[in-house]
Amino acid sequence: MTNDADTPVRYCGIDYGAKRVGLAISDPGSGMAFPLTTLQVSGGRDDQIAAIVKATAEEEVDEWVVGLPLNMDGTEGPQARTTRNFAERLAQVTGQRVHLIDERLSSQLADEYLREAELTNKKHKARRDRVAAQIILRTFLEQRSGDEG
């Protein structure tokens, strides 16, 4: 994945929640997404963003991809509006581009992957949000590469 100047871009995928935030990271240029971490977040939106920026500081993130939790009929409910507000503030704080992508079913798909891995419930729950972030990011990268081809 590259930007307009053909410089590889590193994306961070975010599965945003009020209590937990899953993070995933792309490999610049390859279009691959990897789960990074799950943050237990508290405080206001700016505190959450500070925690995300701190957790990704060494990853040299260029752009962000935030999963937008649409209703199954494609409409936006309260959580989607909260997520939009979070994404807008993330862009303001970081000065970087933020992409929103439909995340419907990403958590369910993450659950399926983790069930196949036969993890304990505790390990499953600990990994769910970062795997959902990976799915969100992978979906974005796949759509983006389809747009370029």
C-alpha atoms as a PDB file:
ATOM      1  CA  MET A   1       0.000   0.000   0.000  1.00  0.00           C
ATOM      2  CA  THR A   2       1.382   3.364  -0.957  1.00  0.00           C
ATOM      3  CA  ASN A   3       0.296   6.961  -0.780  1.00  0.00           C
ATOM      4  CA  ASP A   4       0.327   9.500  -3.612  1.00  0.00           C
ATOM      5  CA  ALA A   5       4.125   9.854  -3.453  1.00  0.00           C
ATOM      6  CA  ASP A   6       4.588   6.052  -3.810  1.00  0.00           C
ATOM      7  CA  THR A   7       5.904   5.889  -0.251  1.00  0.00           C
ATOM      8  CA  PRO A   8       4.742   2.792   1.643  1.00  0.00           C
ATOM      9  CA  VAL A   9       1.953   3.623   4.083  1.00  0.00           C
ATOM     10  CA  ARG A  10       1.556   1.971   7.462  1.00  0.00           C
ATOM     11  CA  TYR A  11      -2.037   1.701   8.646  1.00  0.00           C
ATOM     12  CA  CYS A  12      -3.356   1.011  12.117  1.00  0.00           C
ATOM     13  CA  GLY A  13      -6.751  -0.692  12.312  1.00  0.00           C
ATOM     14  CA  ILE A  14      -8.964   0.117  15.276  1.00  0.00           C
ATOM     15  CA  ASP A  15     -11.887  -1.825  16.706  1.00  0.00           C
ATOM     16  CA  TYR A  16     -13.185   0.970  18.936  1.00  0.00           C
ATOM     17  CA  GLY A  17     -15.164   0.338  22.095  1.00  0.00           C
ATOM     18  CA  ALA A  18     -15.884   2.260  25.272  1.00  0.00           C
ATOM     19  CA  LYS A  19     -14.030  -0.281  27.450  1.00  0.00           C
ATOM     20  CA  ARG A  20     -11.649  -2.035  25.061  1.00  0.00           C
ATOM     21  CA  VAL A  21      -9.913  -0.997  21.856  1.00  0.00           C
ATOM     22  CA  GLY A  22      -8.434  -3.585  19.546  1.00  0.00           C
ATOM     23  CA  LEU A  23      -5.466  -2.527  17.428  1.00  0.00           C
ATOM     24  CA  ALA A  24      -3.914  -4.084  14.329  1.00  0.00           C
ATOM     25  CA  ILE A  25      -1.071  -2.920  12.140  1.00  0.00           C
ATOM     26  CA  SER A  26      -0.265  -3.265   8.457  1.00  0.00           C
ATOM     27  CA  ASP A  27       3.056  -4.160   6.980  1.00  0.00           C
ATOM     28  CA  PRO A  28       4.029  -1.172   4.792  1.00  0.00           C
ATOM     29  CA  GLY A  29       3.814  -2.043   1.138  1.00  0.00           C
ATOM     30  CA  SER A  30       2.655  -5.650   1.539  1.00  0.00           C
ATOM     31  CA  GLY A  31      -1.021  -5.148   2.246  1.00  0.00           C
ATOM     32  CA  MET A  32      -0.915  -7.602   5.165  1.00  0.00           C
ATOM     33  CA  ALA A  33      -2.570  -6.932   8.538  1.00  0.00           C
ATOM     34  CA  PHE A  34      -1.468  -8.274  11.899  1.00  0.00           C
ATOM     35  CA  PRO A  35      -3.167  -8.110  15.313  1.00  0.00           C
ATOM     36  CA  LEU A  36      -1.235  -5.773  17.607  1.00  0.00           C
ATOM     37  CA  THR A  37      -2.838  -5.418  21.045  1.00  0.00           C
ATOM     38  CA  THR A  38      -6.016  -4.827  23.005  1.00  0.00           C
ATOM     39  CA  LEU A  39      -6.149  -1.800  25.267  1.00  0.00           C
ATOM     40  CA  GLN A  40      -8.336  -1.524  28.337  1.00  0.00           C
ATOM     41  CA  VAL A  41      -9.444   2.096  28.026  1.00  0.00           C
ATOM     42  CA  SER A  42     -11.047   4.501  30.454  1.00  0.00           C
ATOM     43  CA  GLY A  43     -11.498   8.215  30.771  1.00  0.00           C
ATOM     44  CA  GLY A  44     -12.665  10.545  28.058  1.00  0.00           C
ATOM     45  CA  ARG A  45     -12.131  10.276  24.330  1.00  0.00           C
ATOM     46  CA  ASP A  46      -8.866  12.264  24.483  1.00  0.00           C
ATOM     47  CA  ASP A  47      -7.509   9.892  27.149  1.00  0.00           C
ATOM     48  CA  GLN A  48      -8.438   6.946  24.929  1.00  0.00           C
ATOM     49  CA  ILE A  49      -6.720   8.528  21.929  1.00  0.00           C
ATOM     50  CA  ALA A  50      -3.608   9.254  23.999  1.00  0.00           C
ATOM     51  CA  ALA A  51      -3.482   5.572  25.018  1.00  0.00           C
ATOM     52  CA  ILE A  52      -3.836   4.469  21.381  1.00  0.00           C
ATOM     53  CA  VAL A  53      -1.132   6.864  20.175  1.00  0.00           C
ATOM     54  CA  LYS A  54       1.185   5.704  22.971  1.00  0.00           C
ATOM     55  CA  ALA A  55       0.548   2.015  22.210  1.00  0.00           C
ATOM     56  CA  THR A  56       1.352   2.541  18.526  1.00  0.00           C
ATOM     57  CA  ALA A  57       4.234   5.014  18.906  1.00  0.00           C
ATOM     58  CA  GLU A  58       6.888   2.539  17.789  1.00  0.00           C
ATOM     59  CA  GLU A  59       4.797   1.371  14.820  1.00  0.00           C
ATOM     60  CA  GLU A  60       5.207   4.620  12.829  1.00  0.00           C
ATOM     61  CA  VAL A  61       1.540   4.776  11.828  1.00  0.00           C
ATOM     62  CA  ASP A  62       0.789   6.956   8.784  1.00  0.00           C
ATOM     63  CA  GLU A  63      -2.995   6.548   8.623  1.00  0.00           C
ATOM     64  CA  TRP A  64      -5.769   5.048  10.745  1.00  0.00           C
ATOM     65  CA  VAL A  65      -8.622   2.700   9.821  1.00  0.00           C
ATOM     66  CA  VAL A  66     -11.549   2.723  12.246  1.00  0.00           C
ATOM     67  CA  GLY A  67     -14.329   0.161  12.095  1.00  0.00           C
ATOM     68  CA  LEU A  68     -17.753   1.806  11.833  1.00  0.00           C
ATOM     69  CA  PRO A  69     -20.419  -0.325  13.570  1.00  0.00           C
ATOM     70  CA  LEU A  70     -23.369   0.042  11.225  1.00  0.00           C
ATOM     71  CA  ASN A  71     -26.703  -1.619  11.870  1.00  0.00           C
ATOM     72  CA  MET A  72     -27.385  -4.712   9.780  1.00  0.00           C
ATOM     73  CA  ASP A  73     -29.613  -2.623   7.474  1.00  0.00           C
ATOM     74  CA  GLY A  74     -26.710  -0.207   6.852  1.00  0.00           C
ATOM     75  CA  THR A  75     -28.051   2.630   8.991  1.00  0.00           C
ATOM     76  CA  GLU A  76     -26.099   4.357  11.741  1.00  0.00           C
ATOM     77  CA  GLY A  77     -27.142   4.029  15.348  1.00  0.00           C
ATOM     78  CA  PRO A  78     -25.770   5.638  18.508  1.00  0.00           C
ATOM     79  CA  GLN A  79     -22.557   3.557  18.559  1.00  0.00           C
ATOM     80  CA  ALA A  80     -21.778   4.489  14.942  1.00  0.00           C
ATOM     81  CA  ARG A  81     -22.188   8.189  15.794  1.00  0.00           C
ATOM     82  CA  THR A  82     -19.905   7.767  18.823  1.00  0.00           C
ATOM     83  CA  THR A  83     -17.336   6.036  16.616  1.00  0.00           C
ATOM     84  CA  ARG A  84     -17.558   8.788  13.985  1.00  0.00           C
ATOM     85  CA  ASN A  85     -16.927  11.390  16.688  1.00  0.00           C
ATOM     86  CA  PHE A  86     -13.953   9.355  17.920  1.00  0.00           C
ATOM     87  CA  ALA A  87     -12.529   9.117  14.375  1.00  0.00           C
ATOM     88  CA  GLU A  88     -12.922  12.866  13.817  1.00  0.00           C
ATOM     89  CA  ARG A  89     -11.121  13.603  17.080  1.00  0.00           C
ATOM     90  CA  LEU A  90      -8.378  11.065  16.264  1.00  0.00           C
ATOM     91  CA  ALA A  91      -7.746  12.922  12.992  1.00  0.00           C
ATOM     92  CA  GLN A  92      -7.616  16.261  14.823  1.00  0.00           C
ATOM     93  CA  VAL A  93      -5.243  15.024  17.527  1.00  0.00           C
ATOM     94  CA  THR A  94      -2.849  13.115  15.243  1.00  0.00           C
ATOM     95  CA  GLY A  95      -3.090  15.310  12.150  1.00  0.00           C
ATOM     96  CA  GLN A  96      -3.314  12.091  10.150  1.00  0.00           C
ATOM     97  CA  ARG A  97      -5.895  10.690   7.780  1.00  0.00           C
ATOM     98  CA  VAL A  98      -8.586   8.477   9.307  1.00  0.00           C
ATOM     99  CA  HIS A  99     -10.616   6.067   7.201  1.00  0.00           C
ATOM    100  CA  LEU A 100     -13.958   4.651   8.347  1.00  0.00           C
ATOM    101  CA  ILE A 101     -14.922   1.191   7.154  1.00  0.00           C
ATOM    102  CA  ASP A 102     -18.046  -0.891   7.687  1.00  0.00           C
ATOM    103  CA  GLU A 103     -17.221  -3.370  10.431  1.00  0.00           C
ATOM    104  CA  ARG A 104     -20.446  -5.345  10.468  1.00  0.00           C
ATOM    105  CA  LEU A 105     -19.776  -8.911  11.538  1.00  0.00           C
ATOM    106  CA  SER A 106     -16.047  -8.352  12.231  1.00  0.00           C
ATOM    107  CA  SER A 107     -16.431  -9.421  15.873  1.00  0.00           C
ATOM    108  CA  GLN A 108     -18.425 -12.504  14.884  1.00  0.00           C
ATOM    109  CA  LEU A 109     -15.771 -13.408  12.306  1.00  0.00           C
ATOM    110  CA  ALA A 110     -13.070 -12.891  14.934  1.00  0.00           C
ATOM    111  CA  ASP A 111     -14.988 -15.254  17.240  1.00  0.00           C
ATOM    112  CA  GLU A 112     -15.073 -17.891  14.476  1.00  0.00           C
ATOM    113  CA  TYR A 113     -11.313 -17.639  13.898  1.00  0.00           C
ATOM    114  CA  LEU A 114     -10.591 -17.848  17.609  1.00  0.00           C
ATOM    115  CA  ARG A 115     -12.951 -20.819  18.110  1.00  0.00           C
ATOM    116  CA  GLU A 116     -11.009 -22.658  15.412  1.00  0.00           C
ATOM    117  CA  ALA A 117      -7.823 -21.969  17.375  1.00  0.00           C
ATOM    118  CA  GLU A 118      -9.408 -23.796  20.349  1.00  0.00           C
ATOM    119  CA  LEU A 119      -8.358 -21.191  22.912  1.00  0.00           C
ATOM    120  CA  THR A 120      -9.587 -21.034  26.469  1.00  0.00           C
ATOM    121  CA  ASN A 121     -12.417 -18.546  27.066  1.00  0.00           C
ATOM    122  CA  LYS A 122     -10.008 -16.198  28.826  1.00  0.00           C
ATOM    123  CA  LYS A 123      -7.511 -16.211  25.930  1.00  0.00           C
ATOM    124  CA  HIS A 124     -10.345 -15.941  23.410  1.00  0.00           C
ATOM    125  CA  LYS A 125     -11.767 -12.848  25.088  1.00  0.00           C
ATOM    126  CA  ALA A 126      -8.305 -11.274  25.426  1.00  0.00           C
ATOM    127  CA  ARG A 127      -7.631 -11.624  21.693  1.00  0.00           C
ATOM    128  CA  ARG A 128     -11.085 -10.908  20.244  1.00  0.00           C
ATOM    129  CA  ASP A 129     -10.774  -7.123  19.845  1.00  0.00           C
ATOM    130  CA  ARG A 130      -7.321  -7.174  18.247  1.00  0.00           C
ATOM    131  CA  VAL A 131      -8.415  -9.897  15.823  1.00  0.00           C
ATOM    132  CA  ALA A 132     -11.522  -7.841  14.982  1.00  0.00           C
ATOM    133  CA  ALA A 133      -9.175  -4.879  14.332  1.00  0.00           C
ATOM    134  CA  GLN A 134      -7.097  -7.117  12.064  1.00  0.00           C
ATOM    135  CA  ILE A 135     -10.230  -8.101  10.112  1.00  0.00           C
ATOM    136  CA  ILE A 136     -11.260  -4.439   9.808  1.00  0.00           C
ATOM    137  CA  LEU A 137      -7.799  -3.500   8.555  1.00  0.00           C
ATOM    138  CA  ARG A 138      -7.541  -6.469   6.193  1.00  0.00           C
ATOM    139  CA  THR A 139     -10.947  -5.612   4.696  1.00  0.00           C
ATOM    140  CA  PHE A 140      -9.814  -2.020   4.151  1.00  0.00           C
ATOM    141  CA  LEU A 141      -6.539  -3.130   2.537  1.00  0.00           C
ATOM    142  CA  GLU A 142      -8.356  -5.591   0.255  1.00  0.00           C
ATOM    143  CA  GLN A 143     -10.851  -2.942  -0.828  1.00  0.00           C
ATOM    144  CA  ARG A 144      -8.049  -0.448  -1.388  1.00  0.00           C
ATOM    145  CA  SER A 145      -5.993  -2.838  -3.514  1.00  0.00           C
ATOM    146  CA  GLY A 146      -9.144  -3.616  -5.530  1.00  0.00           C
ATOM    147  CA  ASP A 147      -9.632   0.103  -6.156  1.00  0.00           C
ATOM    148  CA  GLU A 148      -6.056   0.436  -7.410  1.00  0.00           C
ATOM    149  CA  GLY A 149      -6.203  -2.559  -9.748  1.00  0.00           C
END
